[in-house]
PDB file of N, CA and C in Angstrom:
ATOM      1  N   MET A   1       0.964  -0.979   0.203  1.00  0.00           N
ATOM      2  CA  MET A   1       0.081   0.283   0.430  1.00  0.00           C
ATOM      3  C   MET A   1       0.913   1.309   0.359  1.00  0.00           C
ATOM      4  N   ARG A   2       0.191   2.199  -0.652  1.00  0.00           N
ATOM      5  CA  ARG A   2       1.209   3.753  -0.638  1.00  0.00           C
ATOM      6  C   ARG A   2       0.863   4.335   0.705  1.00  0.00           C
ATOM      7  N   GLY A   3       1.839   5.040   0.738  1.00  0.00           N
ATOM      8  CA  GLY A   3       2.124   5.961   1.728  1.00  0.00           C
ATOM      9  C   GLY A   3       1.288   7.271   1.520  1.00  0.00           C
ATOM     10  N   ALA A   4       0.856   7.851   2.825  1.00  0.00           N
ATOM     11  CA  ALA A   4       0.033   9.248   2.625  1.00  0.00           C
ATOM     12  C   ALA A   4       0.861  10.172   1.525  1.00  0.00           C
ATOM     13  N   ALA A   5       2.162  10.375   1.768  1.00  0.00           N
ATOM     14  CA  ALA A   5       2.862  11.231   0.821  1.00  0.00           C
ATOM     15  C   ALA A   5       3.009  11.220  -0.465  1.00  0.00           C
ATOM     16  N   GLN A   6       2.379   9.921  -1.035  1.00  0.00           N
ATOM     17  CA  GLN A   6       2.220   9.348  -2.057  1.00  0.00           C
ATOM     18  C   GLN A   6       1.344   9.284  -3.027  1.00  0.00           C
ATOM     19  N   GLN A   7       0.347  10.117  -2.099  1.00  0.00           N
ATOM     20  CA  GLN A   7      -1.373   9.825  -2.832  1.00  0.00           C
ATOM     21  C   GLN A   7      -1.494  10.931  -3.359  1.00  0.00           C
ATOM     22  N   GLY A   8      -2.003  10.703  -4.354  1.00  0.00           N
ATOM     23  CA  GLY A   8      -2.881  11.712  -5.464  1.00  0.00           C
ATOM     24  C   GLY A   8      -2.085  12.470  -6.231  1.00  0.00           C
ATOM     25  N   ARG A   9      -2.092  13.460  -6.943  1.00  0.00           N
ATOM     26  CA  ARG A   9      -1.042  14.378  -7.350  1.00  0.00           C
ATOM     27  C   ARG A   9      -0.683  15.072  -6.929  1.00  0.00           C
ATOM     28  N   PRO A  10       0.458  15.738  -7.566  1.00  0.00           N
ATOM     29  CA  PRO A  10       1.734  16.532  -6.524  1.00  0.00           C
ATOM     30  C   PRO A  10       0.583  18.165  -6.922  1.00  0.00           C
ATOM     31  N   ARG A  11       0.899  18.897  -5.999  1.00  0.00           N
ATOM     32  CA  ARG A  11      -0.238  20.195  -5.724  1.00  0.00           C
ATOM     33  C   ARG A  11       1.189  21.213  -6.358  1.00  0.00           C
ATOM     34  N   VAL A  12       0.744  21.971  -7.078  1.00  0.00           N
ATOM     35  CA  VAL A  12       1.388  22.932  -7.751  1.00  0.00           C
ATOM     36  C   VAL A  12       0.836  24.445  -7.520  1.00  0.00           C
ATOM     37  N   ARG A  13       1.548  25.300  -7.345  1.00  0.00           N
ATOM     38  CA  ARG A  13       1.057  26.729  -6.772  1.00  0.00           C
ATOM     39  C   ARG A  13       1.797  27.512  -7.697  1.00  0.00           C
ATOM     40  N   PRO A  14       0.636  28.014  -8.501  1.00  0.00           N
ATOM     41  CA  PRO A  14       1.677  29.044  -9.599  1.00  0.00           C
ATOM     42  C   PRO A  14       1.935  30.104  -8.864  1.00  0.00           C
ATOM     43  N   GLU A  15       3.383  30.977  -9.383  1.00  0.00           N
ATOM     44  CA  GLU A  15       3.996  31.881  -8.764  1.00  0.00           C
ATOM     45  C   GLU A  15       2.833  33.275  -9.320  1.00  0.00           C
ATOM     46  N   ARG A  16       2.289  33.313 -10.328  1.00  0.00           N
ATOM     47  CA  ARG A  16       2.027  34.806 -10.772  1.00  0.00           C
ATOM     48  C   ARG A  16       0.486  34.368 -11.814  1.00  0.00           C
ATOM     49  N   VAL A  17      -0.142  34.941 -11.545  1.00  0.00           N
ATOM     50  CA  VAL A  17      -1.812  34.859 -12.364  1.00  0.00           C
ATOM     51  C   VAL A  17      -1.630  36.294 -13.318  1.00  0.00           C
ATOM     52  N   VAL A  18      -1.797  36.135 -14.569  1.00  0.00           N
ATOM     53  CA  VAL A  18      -1.806  37.179 -15.718  1.00  0.00           C
ATOM     54  C   VAL A  18      -3.051  37.255 -16.099  1.00  0.00           C
ATOM     55  N   ALA A  19      -4.191  37.838 -15.865  1.00  0.00           N
ATOM     56  CA  ALA A  19      -5.389  38.065 -16.559  1.00  0.00           C
ATOM     57  C   ALA A  19      -6.049  39.175 -17.189  1.00  0.00           C
ATOM     58  N   ASP A  20      -7.161  39.506 -17.162  1.00  0.00           N
ATOM     59  CA  ASP A  20      -7.825  40.560 -18.275  1.00  0.00           C
ATOM     60  C   ASP A  20      -8.634  41.201 -17.054  1.00  0.00           C
ATOM     61  N   LYS A  21      -9.385  42.427 -17.454  1.00  0.00           N
ATOM     62  CA  LYS A  21     -10.115  42.816 -16.677  1.00  0.00           C
ATOM     63  C   LYS A  21     -11.502  42.410 -16.237  1.00  0.00           C
ATOM     64  N   GLY A  22     -11.604  41.452 -16.863  1.00  0.00           N
ATOM     65  CA  GLY A  22     -12.615  40.366 -16.553  1.00  0.00           C
ATOM     66  C   GLY A  22     -12.757  39.625 -14.753  1.00  0.00           C
ATOM     67  N   TYR A  23     -11.181  39.485 -14.582  1.00  0.00           N
ATOM     68  CA  TYR A  23     -10.681  39.090 -13.565  1.00  0.00           C
ATOM     69  C   TYR A  23     -10.509  40.132 -12.364  1.00  0.00           C
ATOM     70  N   SER A  24     -10.427  41.295 -12.345  1.00  0.00           N
ATOM     71  CA  SER A  24     -10.267  42.364 -11.401  1.00  0.00           C
ATOM     72  C   SER A  24     -11.132  42.170 -10.226  1.00  0.00           C
ATOM     73  N   ALA A  25     -12.039  41.750 -10.162  1.00  0.00           N
ATOM     74  CA  ALA A  25     -13.006  41.881  -8.692  1.00  0.00           C
ATOM     75  C   ALA A  25     -12.349  41.961  -7.666  1.00  0.00           C
ATOM     76  N   ARG A  26     -12.827  42.150  -6.118  1.00  0.00           N
ATOM     77  CA  ARG A  26     -11.825  42.229  -5.360  1.00  0.00           C
ATOM     78  C   ARG A  26     -11.590  40.640  -4.313  1.00  0.00           C
ATOM     79  N   THR A  27     -13.054  40.116  -4.837  1.00  0.00           N
ATOM     80  CA  THR A  27     -12.936  38.925  -4.135  1.00  0.00           C
ATOM     81  C   THR A  27     -12.133  37.761  -4.920  1.00  0.00           C
ATOM     82  N   PHE A  28     -11.948  37.972  -6.124  1.00  0.00           N
ATOM     83  CA  PHE A  28     -10.552  37.213  -6.935  1.00  0.00           C
ATOM     84  C   PHE A  28      -9.197  37.517  -6.465  1.00  0.00           C
ATOM     85  N   ARG A  29      -9.204  39.339  -6.317  1.00  0.00           N
ATOM     86  CA  ARG A  29      -7.516  39.210  -5.864  1.00  0.00           C
ATOM     87  C   ARG A  29      -7.747  38.951  -4.473  1.00  0.00           C
ATOM     88  N   ALA A  30      -8.684  38.872  -3.522  1.00  0.00           N
ATOM     89  CA  ALA A  30      -8.106  38.602  -2.057  1.00  0.00           C
ATOM     90  C   ALA A  30      -8.186  36.963  -2.190  1.00  0.00           C
ATOM     91  N   TYR A  31      -8.651  36.130  -2.928  1.00  0.00           N
ATOM     92  CA  TYR A  31      -8.286  34.750  -3.167  1.00  0.00           C
ATOM     93  C   TYR A  31      -7.176  34.340  -3.466  1.00  0.00           C
ATOM     94  N   LEU A  32      -6.261  35.195  -4.375  1.00  0.00           N
ATOM     95  CA  LEU A  32      -5.203  35.317  -4.708  1.00  0.00           C
ATOM     96  C   LEU A  32      -4.106  35.142  -3.705  1.00  0.00           C
ATOM     97  N   ARG A  33      -4.373  36.415  -2.909  1.00  0.00           N
ATOM     98  CA  ARG A  33      -3.762  37.200  -1.825  1.00  0.00           C
ATOM     99  C   ARG A  33      -3.815  36.093  -0.810  1.00  0.00           C
ATOM    100  N   ARG A  34      -4.877  35.333  -0.192  1.00  0.00           N
ATOM    101  CA  ARG A  34      -4.707  34.689   0.831  1.00  0.00           C
ATOM    102  C   ARG A  34      -3.735  33.061   0.022  1.00  0.00           C
ATOM    103  N   ARG A  35      -3.847  32.656  -1.061  1.00  0.00           N
ATOM    104  CA  ARG A  35      -2.863  31.782  -1.338  1.00  0.00           C
ATOM    105  C   ARG A  35      -1.735  32.286  -1.778  1.00  0.00           C
ATOM    106  N   GLY A  36      -1.278  33.273  -1.473  1.00  0.00           N
ATOM    107  CA  GLY A  36       0.215  33.897  -1.950  1.00  0.00           C
ATOM    108  C   GLY A  36       0.746  34.085  -3.216  1.00  0.00           C
ATOM    109  N   ILE A  37      -0.457  34.231  -4.208  1.00  0.00           N
ATOM    110  CA  ILE A  37      -0.236  34.171  -5.659  1.00  0.00           C
ATOM    111  C   ILE A  37       0.039  35.545  -6.179  1.00  0.00           C
ATOM    112  N   LYS A  38       0.962  36.031  -7.034  1.00  0.00           N
ATOM    113  CA  LYS A  38       0.866  37.403  -6.923  1.00  0.00           C
ATOM    114  C   LYS A  38       0.179  37.480  -8.193  1.00  0.00           C
ATOM    115  N   ALA A  39      -0.818  38.525  -8.506  1.00  0.00           N
ATOM    116  CA  ALA A  39      -1.717  38.842  -9.779  1.00  0.00           C
ATOM    117  C   ALA A  39      -1.274  40.215 -10.618  1.00  0.00           C
ATOM    118  N   THR A  40      -1.274  40.080 -12.011  1.00  0.00           N
ATOM    119  CA  THR A  40      -0.795  41.076 -13.046  1.00  0.00           C
ATOM    120  C   THR A  40      -2.780  41.002 -13.299  1.00  0.00           C
ATOM    121  N   ILE A  41      -3.144  42.111 -12.716  1.00  0.00           N
ATOM    122  CA  ILE A  41      -4.577  42.381 -13.600  1.00  0.00           C
ATOM    123  C   ILE A  41      -4.794  43.575 -13.429  1.00  0.00           C
ATOM    124  N   PRO A  42      -4.844  44.215 -14.773  1.00  0.00           N
ATOM    125  CA  PRO A  42      -5.287  45.380 -15.188  1.00  0.00           C
ATOM    126  C   PRO A  42      -6.876  45.858 -14.244  1.00  0.00           C
ATOM    127  N   GLU A  43      -6.743  46.967 -13.512  1.00  0.00           N
ATOM    128  CA  GLU A  43      -8.144  47.402 -12.942  1.00  0.00           C
ATOM    129  C   GLU A  43      -9.243  48.276 -13.684  1.00  0.00           C
ATOM    130  N   CYS A  44     -10.427  48.092 -13.650  1.00  0.00           N
ATOM    131  CA  CYS A  44     -11.631  48.695 -14.436  1.00  0.00           C
ATOM    132  C   CYS A  44     -11.384  50.477 -13.784  1.00  0.00           C
ATOM    133  N   VAL A  45     -11.596  51.318 -14.981  1.00  0.00           N
ATOM    134  CA  VAL A  45     -11.463  52.786 -14.569  1.00  0.00           C
ATOM    135  C   VAL A  45     -12.617  52.963 -12.796  1.00  0.00           C
ATOM    136  N   ASP A  46     -13.675  52.434 -13.343  1.00  0.00           N
ATOM    137  CA  ASP A  46     -14.759  52.515 -11.692  1.00  0.00           C
ATOM    138  C   ASP A  46     -13.653  51.757 -10.295  1.00  0.00           C
ATOM    139  N   GLN A  47     -13.063  50.704 -10.564  1.00  0.00           N
ATOM    140  CA  GLN A  47     -12.592  50.296  -9.614  1.00  0.00           C
ATOM    141  C   GLN A  47     -11.383  51.087  -9.194  1.00  0.00           C
ATOM    142  N   LEU A  48     -10.679  51.929 -10.177  1.00  0.00           N
ATOM    143  CA  LEU A  48      -9.805  52.939  -9.539  1.00  0.00           C
ATOM    144  C   LEU A  48     -10.239  53.750  -9.178  1.00  0.00           C
ATOM    145  N   ALA A  49     -11.526  54.264  -9.226  1.00  0.00           N
ATOM    146  CA  ALA A  49     -12.200  55.641  -9.126  1.00  0.00           C
ATOM    147  C   ALA A  49     -12.555  55.787  -7.238  1.00  0.00           C
ATOM    148  N   GLY A  50     -12.779  54.051  -7.330  1.00  0.00           N
ATOM    149  CA  GLY A  50     -13.463  53.792  -6.016  1.00  0.00           C
ATOM    150  C   GLY A  50     -12.437  53.671  -5.098  1.00  0.00           C
ATOM    151  N   ARG A  51     -11.269  52.977  -5.125  1.00  0.00           N
ATOM    152  CA  ARG A  51      -9.841  53.327  -4.359  1.00  0.00           C
ATOM    153  C   ARG A  51      -9.607  54.694  -4.209  1.00  0.00           C
ATOM    154  N   ARG A  52      -9.703  55.490  -5.278  1.00  0.00           N
ATOM    155  CA  ARG A  52      -9.513  57.067  -4.709  1.00  0.00           C
ATOM    156  C   ARG A  52     -10.239  57.478  -3.717  1.00  0.00           C
ATOM    157  N   ARG A  53     -11.323  57.287  -3.897  1.00  0.00           N
ATOM    158  CA  ARG A  53     -12.557  57.575  -2.881  1.00  0.00           C
ATOM    159  C   ARG A  53     -12.372  57.127  -1.772  1.00  0.00           C
ATOM    160  N   ARG A  54     -11.937  55.734  -1.631  1.00  0.00           N
ATOM    161  CA  ARG A  54     -11.503  55.287  -0.252  1.00  0.00           C
ATOM    162  C   ARG A  54     -10.771  55.543   0.286  1.00  0.00           C
ATOM    163  N   ARG A  55      -9.497  56.184  -0.700  1.00  0.00           N
ATOM    164  CA  ARG A  55      -7.996  56.429   0.040  1.00  0.00           C
ATOM    165  C   ARG A  55      -7.542  55.327  -0.038  1.00  0.00           C
ATOM    166  N   GLU A  56      -7.814  53.970  -0.574  1.00  0.00           N
ATOM    167  CA  GLU A  56      -7.011  52.854  -0.612  1.00  0.00           C
ATOM    168  C   GLU A  56      -5.588  52.676  -1.428  1.00  0.00           C
ATOM    169  N   ARG A  57      -4.804  51.938  -1.457  1.00  0.00           N
ATOM    170  CA  ARG A  57      -3.530  52.260  -2.281  1.00  0.00           C
ATOM    171  C   ARG A  57      -3.892  51.739  -3.460  1.00  0.00           C
ATOM    172  N   PRO A  58      -3.544  52.256  -4.785  1.00  0.00           N
ATOM    173  CA  PRO A  58      -3.391  50.808  -6.153  1.00  0.00           C
ATOM    174  C   PRO A  58      -2.932  49.678  -6.157  1.00  0.00           C
ATOM    175  N   CYS A  59      -3.841  48.648  -6.846  1.00  0.00           N
ATOM    176  CA  CYS A  59      -3.144  47.492  -6.684  1.00  0.00           C
ATOM    177  C   CYS A  59      -1.687  47.373  -7.594  1.00  0.00           C
ATOM    178  N   GLY A  60      -1.070  46.744  -7.304  1.00  0.00           N
ATOM    179  CA  GLY A  60       0.355  46.689  -8.449  1.00  0.00           C
ATOM    180  C   GLY A  60       0.093  46.111  -9.627  1.00  0.00           C
ATOM    181  N   PHE A  61       0.541  46.553 -10.511  1.00  0.00           N
ATOM    182  CA  PHE A  61       0.436  46.136 -12.052  1.00  0.00           C
ATOM    183  C   PHE A  61       1.839  46.487 -12.644  1.00  0.00           C
ATOM    184  N   ASP A  62       2.235  45.029 -12.726  1.00  0.00           N
ATOM    185  CA  ASP A  62       3.305  45.332 -13.869  1.00  0.00           C
ATOM    186  C   ASP A  62       3.225  45.192 -15.329  1.00  0.00           C
ATOM    187  N   THR A  63       3.368  45.884 -15.868  1.00  0.00           N
ATOM    188  CA  THR A  63       3.291  46.118 -17.424  1.00  0.00           C
ATOM    189  C   THR A  63       4.301  45.491 -18.137  1.00  0.00           C
ATOM    190  N   THR A  64       5.479  45.020 -17.920  1.00  0.00           N
ATOM    191  CA  THR A  64       6.262  44.387 -18.609  1.00  0.00           C
ATOM    192  C   THR A  64       5.523  42.739 -18.625  1.00  0.00           C
ATOM    193  N   VAL A  65       5.122  42.393 -17.388  1.00  0.00           N
ATOM    194  CA  VAL A  65       4.619  40.764 -17.356  1.00  0.00           C
ATOM    195  C   VAL A  65       3.209  40.824 -18.156  1.00  0.00           C
ATOM    196  N   TYR A  66       2.365  41.751 -18.242  1.00  0.00           N
ATOM    197  CA  TYR A  66       0.986  41.673 -18.757  1.00  0.00           C
ATOM    198  C   TYR A  66       1.528  41.976 -20.521  1.00  0.00           C
ATOM    199  N   ARG A  67       2.566  42.645 -20.596  1.00  0.00           N
ATOM    200  CA  ARG A  67       2.755  43.048 -22.454  1.00  0.00           C
ATOM    201  C   ARG A  67       3.317  41.269 -22.980  1.00  0.00           C
ATOM    202  N   ARG A  68       3.779  40.443 -22.126  1.00  0.00           N
ATOM    203  CA  ARG A  68       3.690  39.195 -22.431  1.00  0.00           C
ATOM    204  C   ARG A  68       2.860  38.219 -22.608  1.00  0.00           C
ATOM    205  N   ARG A  69       2.067  38.998 -21.982  1.00  0.00           N
ATOM    206  CA  ARG A  69       0.865  38.223 -22.180  1.00  0.00           C
ATOM    207  C   ARG A  69       0.021  38.195 -23.444  1.00  0.00           C
ATOM    208  N   ASN A  70       0.294  39.671 -23.853  1.00  0.00           N
ATOM    209  CA  ASN A  70      -0.579  39.977 -24.965  1.00  0.00           C
ATOM    210  C   ASN A  70       0.224  39.397 -26.235  1.00  0.00           C
ATOM    211  N   VAL A  71       1.650  39.369 -25.964  1.00  0.00           N
ATOM    212  CA  VAL A  71       2.224  38.317 -27.260  1.00  0.00           C
ATOM    213  C   VAL A  71       1.817  37.019 -27.726  1.00  0.00           C
ATOM    214  N   VAL A  72       1.574  36.506 -26.658  1.00  0.00           N
ATOM    215  CA  VAL A  72       0.872  35.463 -26.562  1.00  0.00           C
ATOM    216  C   VAL A  72      -0.269  34.977 -27.242  1.00  0.00           C
ATOM    217  N   GLU A  73      -1.110  36.216 -26.686  1.00  0.00           N
ATOM    218  CA  GLU A  73      -2.801  36.150 -27.224  1.00  0.00           C
ATOM    219  C   GLU A  73      -2.836  36.753 -28.800  1.00  0.00           C
ATOM    220  N   ARG A  74      -1.634  37.411 -29.374  1.00  0.00           N
ATOM    221  CA  ARG A  74      -1.914  37.833 -30.535  1.00  0.00           C
ATOM    222  C   ARG A  74      -1.122  36.299 -31.196  1.00  0.00           C
ATOM    223  N   CYS A  75      -0.304  35.921 -30.957  1.00  0.00           N
ATOM    224  CA  CYS A  75       0.230  34.661 -31.575  1.00  0.00           C
ATOM    225  C   CYS A  75      -1.090  33.727 -31.371  1.00  0.00           C
ATOM    226  N   PHE A  76      -1.829  32.972 -30.750  1.00  0.00           N
ATOM    227  CA  PHE A  76      -2.871  32.381 -30.578  1.00  0.00           C
ATOM    228  C   PHE A  76      -4.077  33.025 -31.810  1.00  0.00           C
ATOM    229  N   ASN A  77      -4.405  34.283 -31.727  1.00  0.00           N
ATOM    230  CA  ASN A  77      -5.117  35.128 -32.634  1.00  0.00           C
ATOM    231  C   ASN A  77      -4.351  34.802 -33.888  1.00  0.00           C
ATOM    232  N   ARG A  78      -3.673  34.781 -34.469  1.00  0.00           N
ATOM    233  CA  ARG A  78      -3.162  34.754 -35.446  1.00  0.00           C
ATOM    234  C   ARG A  78      -3.124  33.165 -36.293  1.00  0.00           C
ATOM    235  N   LEU A  79      -3.049  32.077 -35.177  1.00  0.00           N
ATOM    236  CA  LEU A  79      -2.857  30.672 -35.605  1.00  0.00           C
ATOM    237  C   LEU A  79      -4.557  30.500 -35.827  1.00  0.00           C
ATOM    238  N   LYS A  80      -5.543  30.956 -35.317  1.00  0.00           N
ATOM    239  CA  LYS A  80      -6.892  30.857 -35.318  1.00  0.00           C
ATOM    240  C   LYS A  80      -7.369  30.778 -36.727  1.00  0.00           C
ATOM    241  N   GLN A  81      -6.372  31.942 -37.307  1.00  0.00           N
ATOM    242  CA  GLN A  81      -6.735  32.260 -38.556  1.00  0.00           C
ATOM    243  C   GLN A  81      -6.760  31.240 -39.736  1.00  0.00           C
ATOM    244  N   TRP A  82      -6.017  30.213 -39.494  1.00  0.00           N
ATOM    245  CA  TRP A  82      -6.066  29.170 -40.210  1.00  0.00           C
ATOM    246  C   TRP A  82      -7.345  28.384 -39.868  1.00  0.00           C
ATOM    247  N   ARG A  83      -7.866  28.094 -40.871  1.00  0.00           N
ATOM    248  CA  ARG A  83      -9.535  27.119 -40.784  1.00  0.00           C
ATOM    249  C   ARG A  83      -9.184  25.744 -40.106  1.00  0.00           C
ATOM    250  N   GLY A  84      -8.515  25.287 -40.164  1.00  0.00           N
ATOM    251  CA  GLY A  84      -8.214  24.007 -40.122  1.00  0.00           C
ATOM    252  C   GLY A  84      -7.638  23.972 -38.338  1.00  0.00           C
ATOM    253  N   ILE A  85      -7.448  25.074 -37.868  1.00  0.00           N
ATOM    254  CA  ILE A  85      -6.814  24.979 -36.760  1.00  0.00           C
ATOM    255  C   ILE A  85      -8.329  25.537 -36.027  1.00  0.00           C
ATOM    256  N   ALA A  86      -8.766  26.493 -36.429  1.00  0.00           N
ATOM    257  CA  ALA A  86      -9.910  27.166 -35.755  1.00  0.00           C
ATOM    258  C   ALA A  86     -11.284  26.449 -35.578  1.00  0.00           C
ATOM    259  N   THR A  87     -11.445  25.389 -36.629  1.00  0.00           N
ATOM    260  CA  THR A  87     -12.746  24.730 -36.224  1.00  0.00           C
ATOM    261  C   THR A  87     -12.355  23.547 -35.903  1.00  0.00           C
ATOM    262  N   ARG A  88     -10.911  23.093 -35.816  1.00  0.00           N
ATOM    263  CA  ARG A  88     -10.509  21.558 -35.833  1.00  0.00           C
ATOM    264  C   ARG A  88     -10.793  20.709 -36.641  1.00  0.00           C
ATOM    265  N   TYR A  89     -10.972  21.129 -37.687  1.00  0.00           N
ATOM    266  CA  TYR A  89     -11.419  20.347 -38.888  1.00  0.00           C
ATOM    267  C   TYR A  89     -10.351  18.971 -39.204  1.00  0.00           C
ATOM    268  N   GLU A  90      -9.213  19.252 -38.557  1.00  0.00           N
ATOM    269  CA  GLU A  90      -8.377  18.047 -38.819  1.00  0.00           C
ATOM    270  C   GLU A  90      -8.444  17.166 -37.391  1.00  0.00           C
ATOM    271  N   LYS A  91      -9.562  15.971 -37.467  1.00  0.00           N
ATOM    272  CA  LYS A  91     -10.073  15.426 -36.647  1.00  0.00           C
ATOM    273  C   LYS A  91      -8.772  14.443 -35.900  1.00  0.00           C
ATOM    274  N   GLN A  92      -7.643  14.078 -36.621  1.00  0.00           N
ATOM    275  CA  GLN A  92      -6.472  13.231 -36.025  1.00  0.00           C
ATOM    276  C   GLN A  92      -5.653  13.928 -35.258  1.00  0.00           C
ATOM    277  N   PRO A  93      -5.467  13.755 -34.241  1.00  0.00           N
ATOM    278  CA  PRO A  93      -4.259  14.453 -33.506  1.00  0.00           C
ATOM    279  C   PRO A  93      -2.827  14.458 -34.271  1.00  0.00           C
ATOM    280  N   GLY A  94      -2.392  13.502 -34.935  1.00  0.00           N
ATOM    281  CA  GLY A  94      -1.410  13.791 -35.426  1.00  0.00           C
ATOM    282  C   GLY A  94      -1.289  14.761 -36.383  1.00  0.00           C
ATOM    283  N   ARG A  95      -2.358  14.815 -37.312  1.00  0.00           N
ATOM    284  CA  ARG A  95      -2.291  15.910 -38.337  1.00  0.00           C
ATOM    285  C   ARG A  95      -2.723  17.407 -37.777  1.00  0.00           C
ATOM    286  N   TYR A  96      -3.399  17.208 -36.439  1.00  0.00           N
ATOM    287  CA  TYR A  96      -3.793  18.808 -36.379  1.00  0.00           C
ATOM    288  C   TYR A  96      -2.679  19.367 -35.746  1.00  0.00           C
ATOM    289  N   LEU A  97      -1.603  18.502 -34.907  1.00  0.00           N
ATOM    290  CA  LEU A  97      -0.286  18.804 -34.814  1.00  0.00           C
ATOM    291  C   LEU A  97       0.466  19.170 -35.595  1.00  0.00           C
ATOM    292  N   ALA A  98       0.386  18.241 -36.472  1.00  0.00           N
ATOM    293  CA  ALA A  98       1.237  19.088 -37.779  1.00  0.00           C
ATOM    294  C   ALA A  98       0.735  20.308 -38.733  1.00  0.00           C
ATOM    295  N   THR A  99      -0.772  20.520 -38.355  1.00  0.00           N
ATOM    296  CA  THR A  99      -1.136  21.737 -39.187  1.00  0.00           C
ATOM    297  C   THR A  99      -0.729  23.202 -38.139  1.00  0.00           C
ATOM    298  N   VAL A 100      -0.929  22.214 -36.848  1.00  0.00           N
ATOM    299  CA  VAL A 100      -0.603  23.713 -35.766  1.00  0.00           C
ATOM    300  C   VAL A 100       0.860  23.897 -36.199  1.00  0.00           C
ATOM    301  N   THR A 101       2.130  23.024 -36.136  1.00  0.00           N
ATOM    302  CA  THR A 101       3.439  22.988 -36.459  1.00  0.00           C
ATOM    303  C   THR A 101       3.977  23.882 -37.619  1.00  0.00           C
ATOM    304  N   LEU A 102       2.765  23.590 -38.629  1.00  0.00           N
ATOM    305  CA  LEU A 102       3.108  24.292 -40.123  1.00  0.00           C
ATOM    306  C   LEU A 102       2.818  25.650 -39.997  1.00  0.00           C
ATOM    307  N   ALA A 103       1.759  26.116 -39.349  1.00  0.00           N
ATOM    308  CA  ALA A 103       0.962  27.535 -39.207  1.00  0.00           C
ATOM    309  C   ALA A 103       2.157  28.291 -38.308  1.00  0.00           C
ATOM    310  N   SER A 104       2.366  27.508 -37.191  1.00  0.00           N
ATOM    311  CA  SER A 104       3.384  28.338 -36.426  1.00  0.00           C
ATOM    312  C   SER A 104       4.914  28.625 -37.258  1.00  0.00           C
ATOM    313  N   THR A 105       5.326  27.814 -37.818  1.00  0.00           N
ATOM    314  CA  THR A 105       6.452  28.069 -38.516  1.00  0.00           C
ATOM    315  C   THR A 105       6.130  29.249 -39.551  1.00  0.00           C
ATOM    316  N   LEU A 106       5.429  28.748 -40.240  1.00  0.00           N
ATOM    317  CA  LEU A 106       5.145  30.170 -41.397  1.00  0.00           C
ATOM    318  C   LEU A 106       4.652  31.332 -40.629  1.00  0.00           C
ATOM    319  N   ILE A 107       4.304  31.838 -39.636  1.00  0.00           N
ATOM    320  CA  ILE A 107       4.206  32.734 -38.751  1.00  0.00           C
ATOM    321  C   ILE A 107       5.100  32.854 -38.320  1.00  0.00           C
ATOM    322  N   TRP A 108       6.286  32.540 -37.556  1.00  0.00           N
ATOM    323  CA  TRP A 108       7.559  32.558 -37.215  1.00  0.00           C
ATOM    324  C   TRP A 108       8.379  33.295 -38.243  1.00  0.00           C
ATOM    325  N   ARG A 109       8.139  32.502 -39.733  1.00  0.00           N
ATOM    326  CA  ARG A 109       9.030  33.063 -40.519  1.00  0.00           C
ATOM    327  C   ARG A 109       8.708  34.140 -41.209  1.00  0.00           C
ATOM    328  N   GLU A 110       7.508  34.813 -41.100  1.00  0.00           N
ATOM    329  CA  GLU A 110       7.071  36.135 -41.578  1.00  0.00           C
ATOM    330  C   GLU A 110       7.600  37.090 -40.512  1.00  0.00           C
ATOM    331  N   THR A 111       7.549  37.404 -39.272  1.00  0.00           N
ATOM    332  CA  THR A 111       8.241  38.027 -38.456  1.00  0.00           C
ATOM    333  C   THR A 111       9.309  38.095 -38.564  1.00  0.00           C
TER     334      THR A 111
END
């Protein structure tokens, strides 16, 4: 029988969560803070105004980390322009992977 230390999957806690304004709610930020996870989430304009009104300090926002997220999203959007990738037209995993690899190579070559 396995010991208690070997049961289940290993727990992995992310160092940082990078999200868009849809996840900027106070409860979500509080949850991340309790878990000890850093958050890079831009705040909505009305949330910033409420913080100023309550005289609270603004949340830390690292623009360089958020900029890297934007690069990844733009890459996914360019991949989705390929019809076979966007609609999952290729049903076999090997062919789908080959299509993604080919599209990624062509996008990389253009830049």
